[in-house]
Amino acid sequence: MAFGKIGQTLSALEIFDLVREDLEKVEREIGLESVASVEAINYINQYLQAGGGKRLRPILVLLSGRMLGDVNPMVIRMAAVVEMIHTATLVHDDVIDLAKTRRGRPSINVVWGNHTSVLAGDWLYMQAFQVAVRERNFPTLDLLISLTQMMVEGELLQLERIGKIAISEADYFELIDRKTASLFSACARLGAISAGAGEAIETQLADYAWNLGIAFQLVDDILDFTSREKILGKPVGNDLREGKVTLPLIYALELADSEERKLVETVLTDGNYDQVPFSKILNILHRHHGIERAQERAQAFTEKARAIIGEFPASPYQRALAAVTDLVTGRDH
């Protein structure tokens, strides 16, 4: 459960301890709900569960629910639902991106092929909704349907922009709002709905998690340039290789000359670093302070999230949600 550096790991473990028993129930729920009548899906689901992950999204549901009241079966189920939806998006993303690894292991599409992987992702989506439907809670279903539409729209927007160098800051934020922040926001909102909180509290928590989600994605895109493959669990420089221009590069390109832009365009066109080494792209980023500017933006969203959660009454769970903001910004993978 290491979110980041050693000094932060203790805080991460303290947060984890607050919801440890709840998270174990969530894992059991996911295991039970991931059993299918088709063996291929069972094998894939077992492989996905064994791959681990931070479980940050279900933890957000649990902490939000705990902060507002006792955890009930609905909170546990909603935490399982968001993790299943998140996992389904990762499976589909890897197919679309032709990814080779995920969390340091061969990705599902490499092991089982694209056709089977797409169908397994579809099955996970539908199974997540089946679990949610059992609650007979229309606000929850409305939220999950809107969320899924937002995430699909984000994927379509990303596909439209693959390989294009002329991506603006506004384009970028529109994309990560749909692909990442919307899910974080939904997690906190689901925790609030499950705890029976009012609409004002629900909206406030959703705003906290939306800012957290934006910061999370910004850090993710920064780490794609600055981390190491062994730590990140996938190749560094992967976004640009896949044709994605993210915020650090957007900022650097604002000041780049024609030769530097040509280097970036070559990688976008080739889909590899054979002609233009990754180190040259990194030099462009450092020369024009793209990484530093993106880090500043991530910090601003983190501080906004911290300010919002600071308005809630103090409790172990409120403090944990505040601490999550630091973990997101300070992580190394």
C-alpha atoms as a PDB file:
ATOM      1  CA  MET A   1       0.000   0.000   0.000  1.00  0.00           C
ATOM      2  CA  ALA A   2       2.927   2.338  -0.637  1.00  0.00           C
ATOM      3  CA  PHE A   3       1.608   5.547  -2.166  1.00  0.00           C
ATOM      4  CA  GLY A   4       4.960   7.270  -2.355  1.00  0.00           C
ATOM      5  CA  LYS A   5       8.168   7.963  -0.495  1.00  0.00           C
ATOM      6  CA  ILE A   6       9.178   6.424   2.825  1.00  0.00           C
ATOM      7  CA  GLY A   7       8.226   9.481   4.881  1.00  0.00           C
ATOM      8  CA  GLN A   8       4.719   9.334   3.471  1.00  0.00           C
ATOM      9  CA  THR A   9       4.230   5.574   3.661  1.00  0.00           C
ATOM     10  CA  LEU A  10       3.413   5.700   7.394  1.00  0.00           C
ATOM     11  CA  SER A  11       0.615   8.166   6.697  1.00  0.00           C
ATOM     12  CA  ALA A  12      -0.627   5.938   3.900  1.00  0.00           C
ATOM     13  CA  LEU A  13      -0.633   2.945   6.239  1.00  0.00           C
ATOM     14  CA  GLU A  14      -2.498   4.924   8.889  1.00  0.00           C
ATOM     15  CA  ILE A  15      -5.151   5.826   6.328  1.00  0.00           C
ATOM     16  CA  PHE A  16      -5.283   2.230   5.161  1.00  0.00           C
ATOM     17  CA  ASP A  17      -5.697   1.014   8.759  1.00  0.00           C
ATOM     18  CA  LEU A  18      -8.800   3.193   9.179  1.00  0.00           C
ATOM     19  CA  VAL A  19     -10.596   1.255   6.437  1.00  0.00           C
ATOM     20  CA  ARG A  20      -8.672  -2.029   6.499  1.00  0.00           C
ATOM     21  CA  GLU A  21     -11.625  -4.170   7.586  1.00  0.00           C
ATOM     22  CA  ASP A  22     -13.983  -2.385   5.200  1.00  0.00           C
ATOM     23  CA  LEU A  23     -11.529  -2.832   2.337  1.00  0.00           C
ATOM     24  CA  GLU A  24     -11.273  -6.552   3.053  1.00  0.00           C
ATOM     25  CA  LYS A  25     -15.063  -6.719   2.689  1.00  0.00           C
ATOM     26  CA  VAL A  26     -14.794  -4.810  -0.589  1.00  0.00           C
ATOM     27  CA  GLU A  27     -12.198  -7.286  -1.883  1.00  0.00           C
ATOM     28  CA  ARG A  28     -14.465 -10.182  -0.940  1.00  0.00           C
ATOM     29  CA  GLU A  29     -17.389  -8.474  -2.669  1.00  0.00           C
ATOM     30  CA  ILE A  30     -15.338  -7.980  -5.845  1.00  0.00           C
ATOM     31  CA  GLY A  31     -14.220 -11.625  -5.717  1.00  0.00           C
ATOM     32  CA  LEU A  32     -17.799 -12.878  -5.357  1.00  0.00           C
ATOM     33  CA  GLU A  33     -19.154 -10.574  -8.044  1.00  0.00           C
ATOM     34  CA  SER A  34     -16.383 -11.401 -10.514  1.00  0.00           C
ATOM     35  CA  VAL A  35     -17.392 -15.029 -10.977  1.00  0.00           C
ATOM     36  CA  ALA A  36     -18.825 -15.735 -14.429  1.00  0.00           C
ATOM     37  CA  SER A  37     -20.193 -18.767 -16.229  1.00  0.00           C
ATOM     38  CA  VAL A  38     -17.428 -18.400 -18.834  1.00  0.00           C
ATOM     39  CA  GLU A  39     -14.003 -19.587 -17.702  1.00  0.00           C
ATOM     40  CA  ALA A  40     -12.053 -17.009 -19.717  1.00  0.00           C
ATOM     41  CA  ILE A  41     -13.670 -14.177 -17.750  1.00  0.00           C
ATOM     42  CA  ASN A  42     -12.912 -15.929 -14.456  1.00  0.00           C
ATOM     43  CA  TYR A  43      -9.239 -16.322 -15.378  1.00  0.00           C
ATOM     44  CA  ILE A  44      -9.003 -12.681 -16.435  1.00  0.00           C
ATOM     45  CA  ASN A  45     -10.737 -11.418 -13.279  1.00  0.00           C
ATOM     46  CA  GLN A  46      -8.417 -13.490 -11.084  1.00  0.00           C
ATOM     47  CA  TYR A  47      -5.421 -12.105 -12.977  1.00  0.00           C
ATOM     48  CA  LEU A  48      -6.684  -8.539 -12.536  1.00  0.00           C
ATOM     49  CA  GLN A  49      -7.328  -8.944  -8.815  1.00  0.00           C
ATOM     50  CA  ALA A  50      -3.886 -10.475  -8.278  1.00  0.00           C
ATOM     51  CA  GLY A  51      -2.354  -7.420  -9.983  1.00  0.00           C
ATOM     52  CA  GLY A  52      -3.204  -5.288  -6.971  1.00  0.00           C
ATOM     53  CA  GLY A  53      -3.302  -1.523  -7.183  1.00  0.00           C
ATOM     54  CA  LYS A  54      -3.656   1.300  -4.693  1.00  0.00           C
ATOM     55  CA  ARG A  55      -7.431   0.842  -4.319  1.00  0.00           C
ATOM     56  CA  LEU A  56      -7.579   4.617  -3.948  1.00  0.00           C
ATOM     57  CA  ARG A  57     -11.040   4.912  -5.471  1.00  0.00           C
ATOM     58  CA  PRO A  58     -12.807   2.460  -3.139  1.00  0.00           C
ATOM     59  CA  ILE A  59     -10.871   3.996  -0.242  1.00  0.00           C
ATOM     60  CA  LEU A  60     -12.385   7.378  -1.174  1.00  0.00           C
ATOM     61  CA  VAL A  61     -15.860   5.846  -1.062  1.00  0.00           C
ATOM     62  CA  LEU A  62     -15.156   4.238   2.319  1.00  0.00           C
ATOM     63  CA  LEU A  63     -13.555   7.298   3.931  1.00  0.00           C
ATOM     64  CA  SER A  64     -16.360   9.552   2.682  1.00  0.00           C
ATOM     65  CA  GLY A  65     -18.996   7.164   4.001  1.00  0.00           C
ATOM     66  CA  ARG A  66     -17.195   6.723   7.320  1.00  0.00           C
ATOM     67  CA  MET A  67     -16.778  10.467   7.800  1.00  0.00           C
ATOM     68  CA  LEU A  68     -20.528  10.981   7.447  1.00  0.00           C
ATOM     69  CA  GLY A  69     -21.785   7.955   9.364  1.00  0.00           C
ATOM     70  CA  ASP A  70     -21.412   4.245  10.006  1.00  0.00           C
ATOM     71  CA  VAL A  71     -20.406   2.067   7.081  1.00  0.00           C
ATOM     72  CA  ASN A  72     -23.353   0.027   5.846  1.00  0.00           C
ATOM     73  CA  PRO A  73     -23.554  -2.715   3.211  1.00  0.00           C
ATOM     74  CA  MET A  74     -24.355  -0.132   0.513  1.00  0.00           C
ATOM     75  CA  VAL A  75     -21.062   1.703   1.114  1.00  0.00           C
ATOM     76  CA  ILE A  76     -19.148  -1.573   0.746  1.00  0.00           C
ATOM     77  CA  ARG A  77     -20.983  -2.451  -2.453  1.00  0.00           C
ATOM     78  CA  MET A  78     -20.489   1.007  -3.975  1.00  0.00           C
ATOM     79  CA  ALA A  79     -16.762   0.804  -3.191  1.00  0.00           C
ATOM     80  CA  ALA A  80     -16.674  -2.533  -5.025  1.00  0.00           C
ATOM     81  CA  VAL A  81     -18.641  -1.071  -7.934  1.00  0.00           C
ATOM     82  CA  VAL A  82     -16.226   1.834  -8.511  1.00  0.00           C
ATOM     83  CA  GLU A  83     -13.208  -0.480  -8.433  1.00  0.00           C
ATOM     84  CA  MET A  84     -14.860  -2.799 -10.961  1.00  0.00           C
ATOM     85  CA  ILE A  85     -15.663   0.160 -13.230  1.00  0.00           C
ATOM     86  CA  HIS A  86     -12.116   1.477 -12.853  1.00  0.00           C
ATOM     87  CA  THR A  87     -10.671  -1.938 -13.707  1.00  0.00           C
ATOM     88  CA  ALA A  88     -12.923  -2.198 -16.779  1.00  0.00           C
ATOM     89  CA  THR A  89     -11.662   1.186 -18.015  1.00  0.00           C
ATOM     90  CA  LEU A  90      -8.044   0.054 -17.573  1.00  0.00           C
ATOM     91  CA  VAL A  91      -8.692  -3.092 -19.611  1.00  0.00           C
ATOM     92  CA  HIS A  92     -10.265  -1.066 -22.426  1.00  0.00           C
ATOM     93  CA  ASP A  93      -7.540   1.616 -22.224  1.00  0.00           C
ATOM     94  CA  ASP A  94      -4.820  -0.998 -22.629  1.00  0.00           C
ATOM     95  CA  VAL A  95      -6.513  -2.410 -25.728  1.00  0.00           C
ATOM     96  CA  ILE A  96      -6.917   1.049 -27.267  1.00  0.00           C
ATOM     97  CA  ASP A  97      -3.352   2.088 -26.367  1.00  0.00           C
ATOM     98  CA  LEU A  98      -1.827  -1.255 -27.456  1.00  0.00           C
ATOM     99  CA  ALA A  99      -0.228  -1.362 -24.006  1.00  0.00           C
ATOM    100  CA  LYS A 100       2.242  -4.108 -23.203  1.00  0.00           C
ATOM    101  CA  THR A 101       2.377  -3.838 -19.411  1.00  0.00           C
ATOM    102  CA  ARG A 102       0.164  -2.825 -16.504  1.00  0.00           C
ATOM    103  CA  ARG A 103       1.427  -2.598 -12.907  1.00  0.00           C
ATOM    104  CA  GLY A 104       4.658  -4.324 -13.871  1.00  0.00           C
ATOM    105  CA  ARG A 105       2.981  -7.347 -15.495  1.00  0.00           C
ATOM    106  CA  PRO A 106       1.886  -8.174 -19.052  1.00  0.00           C
ATOM    107  CA  SER A 107      -1.394  -6.381 -19.756  1.00  0.00           C
ATOM    108  CA  ILE A 108      -4.611  -8.341 -20.318  1.00  0.00           C
ATOM    109  CA  ASN A 109      -4.606  -7.692 -24.058  1.00  0.00           C
ATOM    110  CA  VAL A 110      -1.095  -9.156 -24.358  1.00  0.00           C
ATOM    111  CA  VAL A 111      -2.060 -12.311 -22.442  1.00  0.00           C
ATOM    112  CA  TRP A 112      -5.571 -12.924 -23.844  1.00  0.00           C
ATOM    113  CA  GLY A 113      -5.711 -10.793 -27.005  1.00  0.00           C
ATOM    114  CA  ASN A 114      -7.797  -7.744 -27.865  1.00  0.00           C
ATOM    115  CA  HIS A 115     -11.115  -9.436 -28.646  1.00  0.00           C
ATOM    116  CA  THR A 116     -11.326 -11.332 -25.373  1.00  0.00           C
ATOM    117  CA  SER A 117     -10.065  -8.338 -23.388  1.00  0.00           C
ATOM    118  CA  VAL A 118     -12.713  -5.963 -24.789  1.00  0.00           C
ATOM    119  CA  LEU A 119     -15.465  -8.447 -23.964  1.00  0.00           C
ATOM    120  CA  ALA A 120     -14.046  -9.020 -20.468  1.00  0.00           C
ATOM    121  CA  GLY A 121     -14.041  -5.256 -19.897  1.00  0.00           C
ATOM    122  CA  ASP A 122     -17.658  -5.072 -21.113  1.00  0.00           C
ATOM    123  CA  TRP A 123     -18.600  -7.881 -18.741  1.00  0.00           C
ATOM    124  CA  LEU A 124     -16.997  -6.064 -15.801  1.00  0.00           C
ATOM    125  CA  TYR A 125     -18.905  -2.872 -16.629  1.00  0.00           C
ATOM    126  CA  MET A 126     -22.209  -4.727 -16.764  1.00  0.00           C
ATOM    127  CA  GLN A 127     -21.478  -6.683 -13.606  1.00  0.00           C
ATOM    128  CA  ALA A 128     -20.682  -3.449 -11.763  1.00  0.00           C
ATOM    129  CA  PHE A 129     -24.043  -2.049 -12.834  1.00  0.00           C
ATOM    130  CA  GLN A 130     -25.804  -5.242 -11.822  1.00  0.00           C
ATOM    131  CA  VAL A 131     -24.403  -4.869  -8.307  1.00  0.00           C
ATOM    132  CA  ALA A 132     -25.496  -1.217  -8.241  1.00  0.00           C
ATOM    133  CA  VAL A 133     -29.010  -2.014  -9.496  1.00  0.00           C
ATOM    134  CA  ARG A 134     -29.614  -4.271  -6.493  1.00  0.00           C
ATOM    135  CA  GLU A 135     -29.590  -1.194  -4.267  1.00  0.00           C
ATOM    136  CA  ARG A 136     -32.717   0.143  -6.037  1.00  0.00           C
ATOM    137  CA  ASN A 137     -31.307   3.622  -5.543  1.00  0.00           C
ATOM    138  CA  PHE A 138     -32.019   5.915  -8.506  1.00  0.00           C
ATOM    139  CA  PRO A 139     -29.584   8.723  -7.567  1.00  0.00           C
ATOM    140  CA  THR A 140     -26.790   6.138  -7.496  1.00  0.00           C
ATOM    141  CA  LEU A 141     -27.769   4.719 -10.890  1.00  0.00           C
ATOM    142  CA  ASP A 142     -28.087   8.206 -12.409  1.00  0.00           C
ATOM    143  CA  LEU A 143     -24.617   9.026 -11.128  1.00  0.00           C
ATOM    144  CA  LEU A 144     -23.036   5.820 -12.446  1.00  0.00           C
ATOM    145  CA  ILE A 145     -24.675   6.163 -15.879  1.00  0.00           C
ATOM    146  CA  SER A 146     -23.510   9.794 -16.195  1.00  0.00           C
ATOM    147  CA  LEU A 147     -20.051   8.782 -15.018  1.00  0.00           C
ATOM    148  CA  THR A 148     -19.747   5.992 -17.588  1.00  0.00           C
ATOM    149  CA  GLN A 149     -20.887   8.302 -20.379  1.00  0.00           C
ATOM    150  CA  MET A 150     -18.334  10.925 -19.298  1.00  0.00           C
ATOM    151  CA  MET A 151     -15.524   8.380 -19.286  1.00  0.00           C
ATOM    152  CA  VAL A 152     -16.443   7.015 -22.722  1.00  0.00           C
ATOM    153  CA  GLU A 153     -16.617  10.574 -24.070  1.00  0.00           C
ATOM    154  CA  GLY A 154     -13.160  11.168 -22.619  1.00  0.00           C
ATOM    155  CA  GLU A 155     -11.785   8.110 -24.386  1.00  0.00           C
ATOM    156  CA  LEU A 156     -13.336   9.236 -27.686  1.00  0.00           C
ATOM    157  CA  LEU A 157     -11.898  12.741 -27.264  1.00  0.00           C
ATOM    158  CA  GLN A 158      -8.492  11.241 -26.609  1.00  0.00           C
ATOM    159  CA  LEU A 159      -8.717   9.104 -29.742  1.00  0.00           C
ATOM    160  CA  GLU A 160      -9.577  12.200 -31.792  1.00  0.00           C
ATOM    161  CA  ARG A 161      -6.460  13.939 -30.498  1.00  0.00           C
ATOM    162  CA  ILE A 162      -3.966  11.062 -30.720  1.00  0.00           C
ATOM    163  CA  GLY A 163      -0.873  12.082 -32.646  1.00  0.00           C
ATOM    164  CA  LYS A 164      -1.764  15.790 -32.717  1.00  0.00           C
ATOM    165  CA  ILE A 165       0.747  18.300 -31.396  1.00  0.00           C
ATOM    166  CA  ALA A 166      -1.664  21.266 -31.276  1.00  0.00           C
ATOM    167  CA  ILE A 167      -3.314  20.320 -27.982  1.00  0.00           C
ATOM    168  CA  SER A 168      -4.201  23.260 -25.740  1.00  0.00           C
ATOM    169  CA  GLU A 169      -4.289  23.447 -21.961  1.00  0.00           C
ATOM    170  CA  ALA A 170      -8.098  23.692 -22.178  1.00  0.00           C
ATOM    171  CA  ASP A 171      -8.214  20.533 -24.351  1.00  0.00           C
ATOM    172  CA  TYR A 172      -6.111  18.716 -21.792  1.00  0.00           C
ATOM    173  CA  PHE A 173      -8.267  19.671 -18.806  1.00  0.00           C
ATOM    174  CA  GLU A 174     -11.449  18.794 -20.694  1.00  0.00           C
ATOM    175  CA  LEU A 175     -10.016  15.332 -21.241  1.00  0.00           C
ATOM    176  CA  ILE A 176      -8.831  14.599 -17.703  1.00  0.00           C
ATOM    177  CA  ASP A 177     -12.087  15.946 -16.280  1.00  0.00           C
ATOM    178  CA  ARG A 178     -13.902  13.189 -18.167  1.00  0.00           C
ATOM    179  CA  LYS A 179     -11.333  10.413 -17.863  1.00  0.00           C
ATOM    180  CA  THR A 180     -10.153  10.786 -14.273  1.00  0.00           C
ATOM    181  CA  ALA A 181     -11.667  13.565 -12.158  1.00  0.00           C
ATOM    182  CA  SER A 182     -15.252  12.488 -12.851  1.00  0.00           C
ATOM    183  CA  LEU A 183     -14.565   9.053 -11.319  1.00  0.00           C
ATOM    184  CA  PHE A 184     -12.887  10.517  -8.232  1.00  0.00           C
ATOM    185  CA  SER A 185     -15.818  12.892  -7.788  1.00  0.00           C
ATOM    186  CA  ALA A 186     -18.308  10.030  -8.149  1.00  0.00           C
ATOM    187  CA  CYS A 187     -16.459   8.003  -5.488  1.00  0.00           C
ATOM    188  CA  ALA A 188     -16.899  10.692  -2.838  1.00  0.00           C
ATOM    189  CA  ARG A 189     -20.472  11.355  -3.927  1.00  0.00           C
ATOM    190  CA  LEU A 190     -21.307   7.634  -3.674  1.00  0.00           C
ATOM    191  CA  GLY A 191     -19.887   7.545  -0.150  1.00  0.00           C
ATOM    192  CA  ALA A 192     -22.088  10.500   0.777  1.00  0.00           C
ATOM    193  CA  ILE A 193     -25.229   9.029  -0.852  1.00  0.00           C
ATOM    194  CA  SER A 194     -24.640   5.674   0.853  1.00  0.00           C
ATOM    195  CA  ALA A 195     -24.302   7.410   4.230  1.00  0.00           C
ATOM    196  CA  GLY A 196     -27.559   9.299   3.679  1.00  0.00           C
ATOM    197  CA  ALA A 197     -25.960  12.753   3.520  1.00  0.00           C
ATOM    198  CA  GLY A 198     -27.812  15.747   2.121  1.00  0.00           C
ATOM    199  CA  GLU A 199     -27.244  17.210  -1.328  1.00  0.00           C
ATOM    200  CA  ALA A 200     -25.094  20.129  -0.099  1.00  0.00           C
ATOM    201  CA  ILE A 201     -22.666  17.796   1.701  1.00  0.00           C
ATOM    202  CA  GLU A 202     -22.662  15.438  -1.260  1.00  0.00           C
ATOM    203  CA  THR A 203     -21.770  18.271  -3.659  1.00  0.00           C
ATOM    204  CA  GLN A 204     -19.039  19.589  -1.361  1.00  0.00           C
ATOM    205  CA  LEU A 205     -17.408  16.179  -1.067  1.00  0.00           C
ATOM    206  CA  ALA A 206     -17.678  15.664  -4.823  1.00  0.00           C
ATOM    207  CA  ASP A 207     -15.895  18.990  -5.379  1.00  0.00           C
ATOM    208  CA  TYR A 208     -13.101  17.920  -3.023  1.00  0.00           C
ATOM    209  CA  ALA A 209     -12.626  14.648  -4.903  1.00  0.00           C
ATOM    210  CA  TRP A 210     -12.828  16.314  -8.333  1.00  0.00           C
ATOM    211  CA  ASN A 211      -9.886  18.581  -7.457  1.00  0.00           C
ATOM    212  CA  LEU A 212      -8.076  15.558  -6.032  1.00  0.00           C
ATOM    213  CA  GLY A 213      -8.683  13.648  -9.269  1.00  0.00           C
ATOM    214  CA  ILE A 214      -7.297  16.461 -11.411  1.00  0.00           C
ATOM    215  CA  ALA A 215      -4.185  16.612  -9.206  1.00  0.00           C
ATOM    216  CA  PHE A 216      -3.845  12.812  -9.392  1.00  0.00           C
ATOM    217  CA  GLN A 217      -3.868  12.822 -13.204  1.00  0.00           C
ATOM    218  CA  LEU A 218      -1.448  15.739 -13.400  1.00  0.00           C
ATOM    219  CA  VAL A 219       0.990  13.855 -11.166  1.00  0.00           C
ATOM    220  CA  ASP A 220       0.470  10.720 -13.267  1.00  0.00           C
ATOM    221  CA  ASP A 221       1.393  12.615 -16.419  1.00  0.00           C
ATOM    222  CA  ILE A 222       4.426  14.198 -14.753  1.00  0.00           C
ATOM    223  CA  LEU A 223       5.635  10.791 -13.521  1.00  0.00           C
ATOM    224  CA  ASP A 224       5.398   9.463 -17.071  1.00  0.00           C
ATOM    225  CA  PHE A 225       8.376  11.723 -17.820  1.00  0.00           C
ATOM    226  CA  THR A 226      10.231  11.697 -14.490  1.00  0.00           C
ATOM    227  CA  SER A 227       9.813   8.233 -12.933  1.00  0.00           C
ATOM    228  CA  ARG A 228      11.589   4.961 -13.695  1.00  0.00           C
ATOM    229  CA  GLU A 229       9.977   1.944 -15.348  1.00  0.00           C
ATOM    230  CA  LYS A 230      10.627  -0.329 -12.361  1.00  0.00           C
ATOM    231  CA  ILE A 231       8.785   2.077 -10.049  1.00  0.00           C
ATOM    232  CA  LEU A 232       6.060   3.131 -12.477  1.00  0.00           C
ATOM    233  CA  GLY A 233       5.173  -0.423 -13.545  1.00  0.00           C
ATOM    234  CA  LYS A 234       5.131   0.574 -17.238  1.00  0.00           C
ATOM    235  CA  PRO A 235       7.585   2.203 -19.661  1.00  0.00           C
ATOM    236  CA  VAL A 236       8.443   5.868 -19.050  1.00  0.00           C
ATOM    237  CA  GLY A 237       7.702   8.308 -21.844  1.00  0.00           C
ATOM    238  CA  ASN A 238       4.789   6.104 -22.765  1.00  0.00           C
ATOM    239  CA  ASP A 239       2.195   8.849 -23.234  1.00  0.00           C
ATOM    240  CA  LEU A 240       4.101  10.584 -26.022  1.00  0.00           C
ATOM    241  CA  ARG A 241       4.956   7.231 -27.602  1.00  0.00           C
ATOM    242  CA  GLU A 242       1.205   6.519 -27.693  1.00  0.00           C
ATOM    243  CA  GLY A 243       0.562   9.900 -29.335  1.00  0.00           C
ATOM    244  CA  LYS A 244      -0.674  11.730 -26.224  1.00  0.00           C
ATOM    245  CA  VAL A 245       0.466  15.285 -25.537  1.00  0.00           C
ATOM    246  CA  THR A 246       0.019  15.945 -21.799  1.00  0.00           C
ATOM    247  CA  LEU A 247       0.323  19.118 -19.729  1.00  0.00           C
ATOM    248  CA  PRO A 248       4.108  19.139 -19.077  1.00  0.00           C
ATOM    249  CA  LEU A 249       4.700  18.948 -22.829  1.00  0.00           C
ATOM    250  CA  ILE A 250       1.898  21.427 -23.619  1.00  0.00           C
ATOM    251  CA  TYR A 251       3.642  23.985 -21.410  1.00  0.00           C
ATOM    252  CA  ALA A 252       7.063  23.251 -22.918  1.00  0.00           C
ATOM    253  CA  LEU A 253       5.731  23.502 -26.473  1.00  0.00           C
ATOM    254  CA  GLU A 254       4.394  27.006 -25.770  1.00  0.00           C
ATOM    255  CA  LEU A 255       8.029  28.169 -25.651  1.00  0.00           C
ATOM    256  CA  ALA A 256       9.666  25.602 -27.938  1.00  0.00           C
ATOM    257  CA  ASP A 257      11.278  26.617 -31.219  1.00  0.00           C
ATOM    258  CA  SER A 258      10.521  24.985 -34.589  1.00  0.00           C
ATOM    259  CA  GLU A 259      13.340  22.433 -34.267  1.00  0.00           C
ATOM    260  CA  GLU A 260      12.141  21.319 -30.853  1.00  0.00           C
ATOM    261  CA  ARG A 261       8.558  21.011 -32.085  1.00  0.00           C
ATOM    262  CA  LYS A 262       9.838  18.924 -34.987  1.00  0.00           C
ATOM    263  CA  LEU A 263      11.488  16.504 -32.547  1.00  0.00           C
ATOM    264  CA  VAL A 264       8.214  16.076 -30.673  1.00  0.00           C
ATOM    265  CA  GLU A 265       6.280  15.617 -33.920  1.00  0.00           C
ATOM    266  CA  THR A 266       8.726  12.901 -34.990  1.00  0.00           C
ATOM    267  CA  VAL A 267       7.996  10.852 -31.861  1.00  0.00           C
ATOM    268  CA  LEU A 268       4.246  11.397 -32.325  1.00  0.00           C
ATOM    269  CA  THR A 269       4.469  10.213 -35.939  1.00  0.00           C
ATOM    270  CA  ASP A 270       6.836   7.286 -35.337  1.00  0.00           C
ATOM    271  CA  GLY A 271       5.284   6.041 -32.123  1.00  0.00           C
ATOM    272  CA  ASN A 272       8.746   5.350 -30.732  1.00  0.00           C
ATOM    273  CA  TYR A 273      12.003   6.995 -29.654  1.00  0.00           C
ATOM    274  CA  ASP A 274      14.190   5.408 -32.344  1.00  0.00           C
ATOM    275  CA  GLN A 275      14.921   8.638 -34.224  1.00  0.00           C
ATOM    276  CA  VAL A 276      14.522  11.020 -31.286  1.00  0.00           C
ATOM    277  CA  PRO A 277      15.809   9.644 -27.960  1.00  0.00           C
ATOM    278  CA  PHE A 278      13.611  10.149 -24.903  1.00  0.00           C
ATOM    279  CA  SER A 279      16.442  12.182 -23.338  1.00  0.00           C
ATOM    280  CA  LYS A 280      15.992  14.871 -26.005  1.00  0.00           C
ATOM    281  CA  ILE A 281      12.311  15.234 -25.179  1.00  0.00           C
ATOM    282  CA  LEU A 282      13.213  15.416 -21.498  1.00  0.00           C
ATOM    283  CA  ASN A 283      15.713  18.189 -22.275  1.00  0.00           C
ATOM    284  CA  ILE A 284      12.971  20.201 -24.004  1.00  0.00           C
ATOM    285  CA  LEU A 285      10.732  19.777 -20.973  1.00  0.00           C
ATOM    286  CA  HIS A 286      13.454  20.918 -18.573  1.00  0.00           C
ATOM    287  CA  ARG A 287      14.608  23.788 -20.794  1.00  0.00           C
ATOM    288  CA  HIS A 288      11.124  25.290 -20.884  1.00  0.00           C
ATOM    289  CA  HIS A 289      10.095  24.303 -17.319  1.00  0.00           C
ATOM    290  CA  GLY A 290       7.155  22.192 -18.478  1.00  0.00           C
ATOM    291  CA  ILE A 291       7.447  19.762 -15.572  1.00  0.00           C
ATOM    292  CA  GLU A 292       7.772  22.499 -12.950  1.00  0.00           C
ATOM    293  CA  ARG A 293       4.739  24.370 -14.282  1.00  0.00           C
ATOM    294  CA  ALA A 294       2.648  21.178 -14.304  1.00  0.00           C
ATOM    295  CA  GLN A 295       3.775  20.462 -10.733  1.00  0.00           C
ATOM    296  CA  GLU A 296       2.611  23.929  -9.697  1.00  0.00           C
ATOM    297  CA  ARG A 297      -0.813  23.277 -11.215  1.00  0.00           C
ATOM    298  CA  ALA A 298      -1.040  19.918  -9.441  1.00  0.00           C
ATOM    299  CA  GLN A 299      -0.189  21.607  -6.156  1.00  0.00           C
ATOM    300  CA  ALA A 300      -2.885  24.255  -6.717  1.00  0.00           C
ATOM    301  CA  PHE A 301      -5.573  21.604  -7.214  1.00  0.00           C
ATOM    302  CA  THR A 302      -4.256  19.704  -4.194  1.00  0.00           C
ATOM    303  CA  GLU A 303      -4.523  22.814  -2.029  1.00  0.00           C
ATOM    304  CA  LYS A 304      -8.060  23.428  -3.282  1.00  0.00           C
ATOM    305  CA  ALA A 305      -9.056  19.870  -2.335  1.00  0.00           C
ATOM    306  CA  ARG A 306      -7.416  20.284   1.083  1.00  0.00           C
ATOM    307  CA  ALA A 307      -9.264  23.560   1.688  1.00  0.00           C
ATOM    308  CA  ILE A 308     -12.634  21.995   0.857  1.00  0.00           C
ATOM    309  CA  ILE A 309     -12.173  18.959   3.100  1.00  0.00           C
ATOM    310  CA  GLY A 310     -10.892  21.286   5.837  1.00  0.00           C
ATOM    311  CA  GLU A 311     -14.404  22.764   6.077  1.00  0.00           C
ATOM    312  CA  PHE A 312     -15.774  19.464   7.444  1.00  0.00           C
ATOM    313  CA  PRO A 313     -15.772  18.724  11.208  1.00  0.00           C
ATOM    314  CA  ALA A 314     -12.521  17.174  12.416  1.00  0.00           C
ATOM    315  CA  SER A 315     -12.485  13.392  12.743  1.00  0.00           C
ATOM    316  CA  PRO A 316     -10.026  10.597  11.929  1.00  0.00           C
ATOM    317  CA  TYR A 317     -11.749  10.145   8.547  1.00  0.00           C
ATOM    318  CA  GLN A 318     -11.777  13.849   7.749  1.00  0.00           C
ATOM    319  CA  ARG A 319      -8.062  14.011   8.562  1.00  0.00           C
ATOM    320  CA  ALA A 320      -7.457  10.944   6.395  1.00  0.00           C
ATOM    321  CA  LEU A 321      -9.194  12.574   3.422  1.00  0.00           C
ATOM    322  CA  ALA A 322      -7.050  15.677   3.989  1.00  0.00           C
ATOM    323  CA  ALA A 323      -3.895  13.531   4.125  1.00  0.00           C
ATOM    324  CA  VAL A 324      -4.800  11.771   0.863  1.00  0.00           C
ATOM    325  CA  THR A 325      -4.152  15.086  -0.926  1.00  0.00           C
ATOM    326  CA  ASP A 326      -0.500  15.024   0.124  1.00  0.00           C
ATOM    327  CA  LEU A 327      -0.144  11.371  -0.812  1.00  0.00           C
ATOM    328  CA  VAL A 328      -1.469  12.036  -4.299  1.00  0.00           C
ATOM    329  CA  THR A 329       0.923  14.920  -4.909  1.00  0.00           C
ATOM    330  CA  GLY A 330       3.971  13.272  -3.325  1.00  0.00           C
ATOM    331  CA  ARG A 331       3.670   9.764  -4.789  1.00  0.00           C
ATOM    332  CA  ASP A 332       6.315   8.270  -7.079  1.00  0.00           C
ATOM    333  CA  HIS A 333       4.091   5.831  -9.001  1.00  0.00           C
END
